[in-house]
Amino acid sequence: MNSIGEECTDLKKKYDDCFNSWFSERFLKGDHDDSVCSGIFKVYQDCVKNAMKQQNIDFKEIDKDVLGTDNEFKAPPTESS
């Protein structure tokens, strides 16, 4: 699957490869330190945010913490016509 921004697709693949390697070779063997992929994740995340800005996608809702809050089980707001 490609990334939201064409310019981010190679970074996504690199991060996916790193994550899959970390998950199978470390996490499943008890090593839960996920910092090995944090550098490439940050670069990919910045690329995706930039692509979203270029496509006029508002990412305020994406950055909002919901898990573990009262909002976790609320239905998302619907747009009025």
PDB file of N, CA and C in Angstrom:
ATOM      1  N   MET A   1       0.851  -1.176   0.000  1.00  0.00           N
ATOM      2  CA  MET A   1       0.000   0.000   0.000  1.00  0.00           C
ATOM      3  C   MET A   1       0.894   1.236   0.000  1.00  0.00           C
ATOM      4  N   ASN A   2       0.530   2.188  -0.839  1.00  0.00           N
ATOM      5  CA  ASN A   2       1.275   3.429  -0.917  1.00  0.00           C
ATOM      6  C   ASN A   2       0.893   4.356   0.221  1.00  0.00           C
ATOM      7  N   SER A   3       1.724   5.348   0.427  1.00  0.00           N
ATOM      8  CA  SER A   3       1.464   6.354   1.442  1.00  0.00           C
ATOM      9  C   SER A   3       0.508   7.407   0.896  1.00  0.00           C
ATOM     10  N   ILE A   4       0.014   8.257   1.759  1.00  0.00           N
ATOM     11  CA  ILE A   4      -0.894   9.332   1.364  1.00  0.00           C
ATOM     12  C   ILE A   4      -0.216  10.291   0.392  1.00  0.00           C
ATOM     13  N   GLY A   5       1.070  10.463   0.532  1.00  0.00           N
ATOM     14  CA  GLY A   5       1.828  11.313  -0.372  1.00  0.00           C
ATOM     15  C   GLY A   5       2.802  10.463  -1.166  1.00  0.00           C
ATOM     16  N   GLU A   6       2.802  10.632  -2.470  1.00  0.00           N
ATOM     17  CA  GLU A   6       3.677   9.827  -3.324  1.00  0.00           C
ATOM     18  C   GLU A   6       5.139   9.930  -2.881  1.00  0.00           C
ATOM     19  N   GLU A   7       5.528  11.130  -2.436  1.00  0.00           N
ATOM     20  CA  GLU A   7       6.909  11.345  -1.993  1.00  0.00           C
ATOM     21  C   GLU A   7       7.237  10.619  -0.685  1.00  0.00           C
ATOM     22  N   CYS A   8       6.225  10.090  -0.013  1.00  0.00           N
ATOM     23  CA  CYS A   8       6.420   9.399   1.270  1.00  0.00           C
ATOM     24  C   CYS A   8       6.438   7.882   1.135  1.00  0.00           C
ATOM     25  N   THR A   9       6.133   7.358  -0.035  1.00  0.00           N
ATOM     26  CA  THR A   9       5.971   5.914  -0.201  1.00  0.00           C
ATOM     27  C   THR A   9       7.255   5.144   0.102  1.00  0.00           C
ATOM     28  N   ASP A  10       8.413   5.649  -0.342  1.00  0.00           N
ATOM     29  CA  ASP A  10       9.678   4.958  -0.036  1.00  0.00           C
ATOM     30  C   ASP A  10       9.959   4.959   1.461  1.00  0.00           C
ATOM     31  N   LEU A  11       9.661   6.079   2.128  1.00  0.00           N
ATOM     32  CA  LEU A  11       9.850   6.153   3.583  1.00  0.00           C
ATOM     33  C   LEU A  11       8.917   5.175   4.293  1.00  0.00           C
ATOM     34  N   LYS A  12       7.691   5.064   3.793  1.00  0.00           N
ATOM     35  CA  LYS A  12       6.730   4.122   4.382  1.00  0.00           C
ATOM     36  C   LYS A  12       7.257   2.701   4.273  1.00  0.00           C
ATOM     37  N   LYS A  13       7.781   2.342   3.118  1.00  0.00           N
ATOM     38  CA  LYS A  13       8.321   0.999   2.936  1.00  0.00           C
ATOM     39  C   LYS A  13       9.486   0.751   3.893  1.00  0.00           C
ATOM     40  N   LYS A  14      10.369   1.731   4.036  1.00  0.00           N
ATOM     41  CA  LYS A  14      11.504   1.575   4.951  1.00  0.00           C
ATOM     42  C   LYS A  14      11.013   1.395   6.391  1.00  0.00           C
ATOM     43  N   TYR A  15      10.025   2.206   6.785  1.00  0.00           N
ATOM     44  CA  TYR A  15       9.498   2.069   8.137  1.00  0.00           C
ATOM     45  C   TYR A  15       8.801   0.726   8.312  1.00  0.00           C
ATOM     46  N   ASP A  16       7.974   0.333   7.344  1.00  0.00           N
ATOM     47  CA  ASP A  16       7.292  -0.965   7.424  1.00  0.00           C
ATOM     48  C   ASP A  16       8.287  -2.107   7.555  1.00  0.00           C
ATOM     49  N   ASP A  17       9.352  -2.061   6.769  1.00  0.00           N
ATOM     50  CA  ASP A  17      10.385  -3.100   6.846  1.00  0.00           C
ATOM     51  C   ASP A  17      11.050  -3.117   8.215  1.00  0.00           C
ATOM     52  N   CYS A  18      11.370  -1.928   8.720  1.00  0.00           N
ATOM     53  CA  CYS A  18      11.995  -1.826  10.047  1.00  0.00           C
ATOM     54  C   CYS A  18      11.056  -2.369  11.121  1.00  0.00           C
ATOM     55  N   PHE A  19       9.796  -1.938  11.082  1.00  0.00           N
ATOM     56  CA  PHE A  19       8.826  -2.376  12.081  1.00  0.00           C
ATOM     57  C   PHE A  19       8.639  -3.885  12.038  1.00  0.00           C
ATOM     58  N   ASN A  20       8.444  -4.433  10.850  1.00  0.00           N
ATOM     59  CA  ASN A  20       8.223  -5.876  10.732  1.00  0.00           C
ATOM     60  C   ASN A  20       9.421  -6.669  11.246  1.00  0.00           C
ATOM     61  N   SER A  21      10.619  -6.199  10.963  1.00  0.00           N
ATOM     62  CA  SER A  21      11.828  -6.851  11.455  1.00  0.00           C
ATOM     63  C   SER A  21      11.894  -6.762  12.986  1.00  0.00           C
ATOM     64  N   TRP A  22      11.662  -5.551  13.523  1.00  0.00           N
ATOM     65  CA  TRP A  22      11.696  -5.365  14.977  1.00  0.00           C
ATOM     66  C   TRP A  22      10.648  -6.245  15.647  1.00  0.00           C
ATOM     67  N   PHE A  23       9.441  -6.272  15.099  1.00  0.00           N
ATOM     68  CA  PHE A  23       8.353  -7.029  15.716  1.00  0.00           C
ATOM     69  C   PHE A  23       8.677  -8.515  15.766  1.00  0.00           C
ATOM     70  N   SER A  24       9.135  -9.069  14.654  1.00  0.00           N
ATOM     71  CA  SER A  24       9.375 -10.515  14.606  1.00  0.00           C
ATOM     72  C   SER A  24      10.676 -10.929  15.286  1.00  0.00           C
ATOM     73  N   GLU A  25      11.704 -10.099  15.185  1.00  0.00           N
ATOM     74  CA  GLU A  25      13.012 -10.486  15.708  1.00  0.00           C
ATOM     75  C   GLU A  25      13.281 -10.014  17.134  1.00  0.00           C
ATOM     76  N   ARG A  26      12.525  -9.037  17.605  1.00  0.00           N
ATOM     77  CA  ARG A  26      12.770  -8.514  18.952  1.00  0.00           C
ATOM     78  C   ARG A  26      11.542  -8.583  19.850  1.00  0.00           C
ATOM     79  N   PHE A  27      10.464  -7.925  19.414  1.00  0.00           N
ATOM     80  CA  PHE A  27       9.278  -7.831  20.261  1.00  0.00           C
ATOM     81  C   PHE A  27       8.750  -9.200  20.666  1.00  0.00           C
ATOM     82  N   LEU A  28       8.611 -10.088  19.697  1.00  0.00           N
ATOM     83  CA  LEU A  28       8.069 -11.415  19.999  1.00  0.00           C
ATOM     84  C   LEU A  28       9.008 -12.254  20.865  1.00  0.00           C
ATOM     85  N   LYS A  29      10.249 -11.799  21.000  1.00  0.00           N
ATOM     86  CA  LYS A  29      11.224 -12.496  21.846  1.00  0.00           C
ATOM     87  C   LYS A  29      11.421 -11.776  23.176  1.00  0.00           C
ATOM     88  N   GLY A  30      10.545 -10.794  23.466  1.00  0.00           N
ATOM     89  CA  GLY A  30      10.562 -10.150  24.771  1.00  0.00           C
ATOM     90  C   GLY A  30      11.247  -8.795  24.826  1.00  0.00           C
ATOM     91  N   ASP A  31      11.883  -8.353  23.747  1.00  0.00           N
ATOM     92  CA  ASP A  31      12.536  -7.041  23.727  1.00  0.00           C
ATOM     93  C   ASP A  31      11.521  -6.014  23.234  1.00  0.00           C
ATOM     94  N   HIS A  32      11.000  -5.200  24.135  1.00  0.00           N
ATOM     95  CA  HIS A  32       9.946  -4.256  23.797  1.00  0.00           C
ATOM     96  C   HIS A  32      10.457  -2.853  23.524  1.00  0.00           C
ATOM     97  N   ASP A  33      11.768  -2.676  23.432  1.00  0.00           N
ATOM     98  CA  ASP A  33      12.352  -1.366  23.119  1.00  0.00           C
ATOM     99  C   ASP A  33      12.139  -1.084  21.635  1.00  0.00           C
ATOM    100  N   ASP A  34      11.237  -0.163  21.344  1.00  0.00           N
ATOM    101  CA  ASP A  34      10.892   0.121  19.949  1.00  0.00           C
ATOM    102  C   ASP A  34      11.680   1.292  19.362  1.00  0.00           C
ATOM    103  N   SER A  35      12.724   1.722  20.029  1.00  0.00           N
ATOM    104  CA  SER A  35      13.478   2.883  19.563  1.00  0.00           C
ATOM    105  C   SER A  35      14.266   2.615  18.286  1.00  0.00           C
ATOM    106  N   VAL A  36      14.438   1.355  17.928  1.00  0.00           N
ATOM    107  CA  VAL A  36      15.221   1.015  16.748  1.00  0.00           C
ATOM    108  C   VAL A  36      14.619   1.631  15.480  1.00  0.00           C
ATOM    109  N   CYS A  37      13.328   1.812  15.427  1.00  0.00           N
ATOM    110  CA  CYS A  37      12.669   2.361  14.236  1.00  0.00           C
ATOM    111  C   CYS A  37      12.206   3.806  14.433  1.00  0.00           C
ATOM    112  N   SER A  38      12.476   4.392  15.574  1.00  0.00           N
ATOM    113  CA  SER A  38      11.925   5.715  15.873  1.00  0.00           C
ATOM    114  C   SER A  38      12.443   6.801  14.936  1.00  0.00           C
ATOM    115  N   GLY A  39      13.683   6.703  14.482  1.00  0.00           N
ATOM    116  CA  GLY A  39      14.232   7.710  13.583  1.00  0.00           C
ATOM    117  C   GLY A  39      13.507   7.734  12.251  1.00  0.00           C
ATOM    118  N   ILE A  40      13.370   6.577  11.624  1.00  0.00           N
ATOM    119  CA  ILE A  40      12.688   6.513  10.328  1.00  0.00           C
ATOM    120  C   ILE A  40      11.203   6.809  10.482  1.00  0.00           C
ATOM    121  N   PHE A  41      10.614   6.446  11.639  1.00  0.00           N
ATOM    122  CA  PHE A  41       9.208   6.765  11.870  1.00  0.00           C
ATOM    123  C   PHE A  41       8.994   8.276  11.902  1.00  0.00           C
ATOM    124  N   LYS A  42       9.860   8.995  12.583  1.00  0.00           N
ATOM    125  CA  LYS A  42       9.736  10.455  12.699  1.00  0.00           C
ATOM    126  C   LYS A  42       9.831  11.107  11.319  1.00  0.00           C
ATOM    127  N   VAL A  43      10.785  10.663  10.500  1.00  0.00           N
ATOM    128  CA  VAL A  43      10.950  11.223   9.160  1.00  0.00           C
ATOM    129  C   VAL A  43       9.707  10.930   8.319  1.00  0.00           C
ATOM    130  N   TYR A  44       9.204   9.708   8.401  1.00  0.00           N
ATOM    131  CA  TYR A  44       7.998   9.327   7.659  1.00  0.00           C
ATOM    132  C   TYR A  44       6.786  10.128   8.146  1.00  0.00           C
ATOM    133  N   GLN A  45       6.641  10.267   9.452  1.00  0.00           N
ATOM    134  CA  GLN A  45       5.525  11.013  10.030  1.00  0.00           C
ATOM    135  C   GLN A  45       5.537  12.467   9.547  1.00  0.00           C
ATOM    136  N   ASP A  46       6.710  13.084   9.530  1.00  0.00           N
ATOM    137  CA  ASP A  46       6.820  14.463   9.054  1.00  0.00           C
ATOM    138  C   ASP A  46       6.441  14.559   7.577  1.00  0.00           C
ATOM    139  N   CYS A  47       6.842  13.586   6.792  1.00  0.00           N
ATOM    140  CA  CYS A  47       6.500  13.555   5.371  1.00  0.00           C
ATOM    141  C   CYS A  47       4.989  13.445   5.185  1.00  0.00           C
ATOM    142  N   VAL A  48       4.349  12.576   5.950  1.00  0.00           N
ATOM    143  CA  VAL A  48       2.900  12.396   5.849  1.00  0.00           C
ATOM    144  C   VAL A  48       2.175  13.675   6.261  1.00  0.00           C
ATOM    145  N   LYS A  49       2.617  14.306   7.329  1.00  0.00           N
ATOM    146  CA  LYS A  49       1.978  15.555   7.764  1.00  0.00           C
ATOM    147  C   LYS A  49       2.103  16.629   6.689  1.00  0.00           C
ATOM    148  N   ASN A  50       3.260  16.714   6.055  1.00  0.00           N
ATOM    149  CA  ASN A  50       3.455  17.685   4.988  1.00  0.00           C
ATOM    150  C   ASN A  50       2.539  17.370   3.800  1.00  0.00           C
ATOM    151  N   ALA A  51       2.424  16.092   3.441  1.00  0.00           N
ATOM    152  CA  ALA A  51       1.539  15.686   2.344  1.00  0.00           C
ATOM    153  C   ALA A  51       0.090  16.016   2.673  1.00  0.00           C
ATOM    154  N   MET A  52      -0.303  15.834   3.922  1.00  0.00           N
ATOM    155  CA  MET A  52      -1.669  16.158   4.333  1.00  0.00           C
ATOM    156  C   MET A  52      -1.917  17.660   4.205  1.00  0.00           C
ATOM    157  N   LYS A  53      -0.943  18.475   4.595  1.00  0.00           N
ATOM    158  CA  LYS A  53      -1.090  19.927   4.454  1.00  0.00           C
ATOM    159  C   LYS A  53      -1.252  20.305   2.986  1.00  0.00           C
ATOM    160  N   GLN A  54      -0.451  19.691   2.126  1.00  0.00           N
ATOM    161  CA  GLN A  54      -0.526  19.993   0.698  1.00  0.00           C
ATOM    162  C   GLN A  54      -1.882  19.603   0.113  1.00  0.00           C
ATOM    163  N   GLN A  55      -2.518  18.603   0.694  1.00  0.00           N
ATOM    164  CA  GLN A  55      -3.829  18.153   0.216  1.00  0.00           C
ATOM    165  C   GLN A  55      -4.979  18.772   1.017  1.00  0.00           C
ATOM    166  N   ASN A  56      -4.635  19.772   1.846  1.00  0.00           N
ATOM    167  CA  ASN A  56      -5.628  20.479   2.667  1.00  0.00           C
ATOM    168  C   ASN A  56      -6.408  19.553   3.586  1.00  0.00           C
ATOM    169  N   ILE A  57      -5.721  18.582   4.156  1.00  0.00           N
ATOM    170  CA  ILE A  57      -6.338  17.677   5.129  1.00  0.00           C
ATOM    171  C   ILE A  57      -5.972  18.172   6.523  1.00  0.00           C
ATOM    172  N   ASP A  58      -6.973  18.460   7.336  1.00  0.00           N
ATOM    173  CA  ASP A  58      -6.757  18.957   8.693  1.00  0.00           C
ATOM    174  C   ASP A  58      -6.400  17.792   9.606  1.00  0.00           C
ATOM    175  N   PHE A  59      -5.232  17.855  10.217  1.00  0.00           N
ATOM    176  CA  PHE A  59      -4.818  16.728  11.059  1.00  0.00           C
ATOM    177  C   PHE A  59      -4.887  17.021  12.547  1.00  0.00           C
ATOM    178  N   LYS A  60      -5.641  18.049  12.951  1.00  0.00           N
ATOM    179  CA  LYS A  60      -5.820  18.317  14.379  1.00  0.00           C
ATOM    180  C   LYS A  60      -6.477  17.130  15.080  1.00  0.00           C
ATOM    181  N   GLU A  61      -7.447  16.513  14.419  1.00  0.00           N
ATOM    182  CA  GLU A  61      -8.149  15.373  15.000  1.00  0.00           C
ATOM    183  C   GLU A  61      -7.231  14.152  15.108  1.00  0.00           C
ATOM    184  N   ILE A  62      -6.298  14.021  14.196  1.00  0.00           N
ATOM    185  CA  ILE A  62      -5.388  12.880  14.212  1.00  0.00           C
ATOM    186  C   ILE A  62      -4.456  12.941  15.406  1.00  0.00           C
ATOM    187  N   ASP A  63      -4.008  14.143  15.768  1.00  0.00           N
ATOM    188  CA  ASP A  63      -3.065  14.298  16.877  1.00  0.00           C
ATOM    189  C   ASP A  63      -3.741  14.257  18.249  1.00  0.00           C
ATOM    190  N   LYS A  64      -5.054  14.204  18.289  1.00  0.00           N
ATOM    191  CA  LYS A  64      -5.781  14.230  19.554  1.00  0.00           C
ATOM    192  C   LYS A  64      -5.693  12.865  20.244  1.00  0.00           C
ATOM    193  N   ASP A  65      -5.349  12.874  21.528  1.00  0.00           N
ATOM    194  CA  ASP A  65      -5.320  11.642  22.318  1.00  0.00           C
ATOM    195  C   ASP A  65      -6.754  11.261  22.688  1.00  0.00           C
ATOM    196  N   VAL A  66      -7.139  10.038  22.338  1.00  0.00           N
ATOM    197  CA  VAL A  66      -8.489   9.576  22.612  1.00  0.00           C
ATOM    198  C   VAL A  66      -8.475   8.326  23.487  1.00  0.00           C
ATOM    199  N   LEU A  67      -7.561   7.410  23.204  1.00  0.00           N
ATOM    200  CA  LEU A  67      -7.507   6.165  23.981  1.00  0.00           C
ATOM    201  C   LEU A  67      -7.306   6.462  25.460  1.00  0.00           C
ATOM    202  N   GLY A  68      -8.089   5.796  26.257  1.00  0.00           N
ATOM    203  CA  GLY A  68      -7.985   5.970  27.705  1.00  0.00           C
ATOM    204  C   GLY A  68      -8.702   7.204  28.214  1.00  0.00           C
ATOM    205  N   THR A  69      -9.475   7.871  27.363  1.00  0.00           N
ATOM    206  CA  THR A  69     -10.237   9.041  27.791  1.00  0.00           C
ATOM    207  C   THR A  69     -11.726   8.754  27.641  1.00  0.00           C
ATOM    208  N   ASP A  70     -12.537   9.686  28.122  1.00  0.00           N
ATOM    209  CA  ASP A  70     -13.997   9.542  27.991  1.00  0.00           C
ATOM    210  C   ASP A  70     -14.437   9.547  26.528  1.00  0.00           C
ATOM    211  N   ASN A  71     -13.621  10.134  25.651  1.00  0.00           N
ATOM    212  CA  ASN A  71     -13.982  10.221  24.241  1.00  0.00           C
ATOM    213  C   ASN A  71     -13.745   8.921  23.480  1.00  0.00           C
ATOM    214  N   GLU A  72     -13.083   7.964  24.109  1.00  0.00           N
ATOM    215  CA  GLU A  72     -12.738   6.730  23.405  1.00  0.00           C
ATOM    216  C   GLU A  72     -13.958   6.002  22.850  1.00  0.00           C
ATOM    217  N   PHE A  73     -15.056   6.016  23.581  1.00  0.00           N
ATOM    218  CA  PHE A  73     -16.214   5.237  23.179  1.00  0.00           C
ATOM    219  C   PHE A  73     -17.335   6.085  22.577  1.00  0.00           C
ATOM    220  N   LYS A  74     -17.061   7.369  22.336  1.00  0.00           N
ATOM    221  CA  LYS A  74     -18.056   8.231  21.716  1.00  0.00           C
ATOM    222  C   LYS A  74     -18.005   8.085  20.204  1.00  0.00           C
ATOM    223  N   ALA A  75     -19.155   8.150  19.589  1.00  0.00           N
ATOM    224  CA  ALA A  75     -19.219   8.131  18.126  1.00  0.00           C
ATOM    225  C   ALA A  75     -18.642   9.433  17.593  1.00  0.00           C
ATOM    226  N   PRO A  76     -17.965   9.373  16.458  1.00  0.00           N
ATOM    227  CA  PRO A  76     -17.422  10.615  15.892  1.00  0.00           C
ATOM    228  C   PRO A  76     -18.558  11.557  15.494  1.00  0.00           C
ATOM    229  N   PRO A  77     -18.294  12.858  15.510  1.00  0.00           N
ATOM    230  CA  PRO A  77     -19.340  13.808  15.139  1.00  0.00           C
ATOM    231  C   PRO A  77     -19.700  13.656  13.662  1.00  0.00           C
ATOM    232  N   THR A  78     -20.954  13.903  13.349  1.00  0.00           N
ATOM    233  CA  THR A  78     -21.383  13.840  11.956  1.00  0.00           C
ATOM    234  C   THR A  78     -21.435  15.248  11.415  1.00  0.00           C
ATOM    235  N   GLU A  79     -21.178  15.364  10.117  1.00  0.00           N
ATOM    236  CA  GLU A  79     -21.220  16.681   9.482  1.00  0.00           C
ATOM    237  C   GLU A  79     -22.657  17.041   9.168  1.00  0.00           C
ATOM    238  N   SER A  80     -23.041  18.263   9.470  1.00  0.00           N
ATOM    239  CA  SER A  80     -24.387  18.743   9.152  1.00  0.00           C
ATOM    240  C   SER A  80     -24.440  19.141   7.703  1.00  0.00           C
ATOM    241  N   SER A  81     -25.573  18.893   7.079  1.00  0.00           N
ATOM    242  CA  SER A  81     -25.741  19.269   5.663  1.00  0.00           C
ATOM    243  C   SER A  81     -26.043  20.731   5.530  1.00  0.00           C
TER     244      SER A  81
END
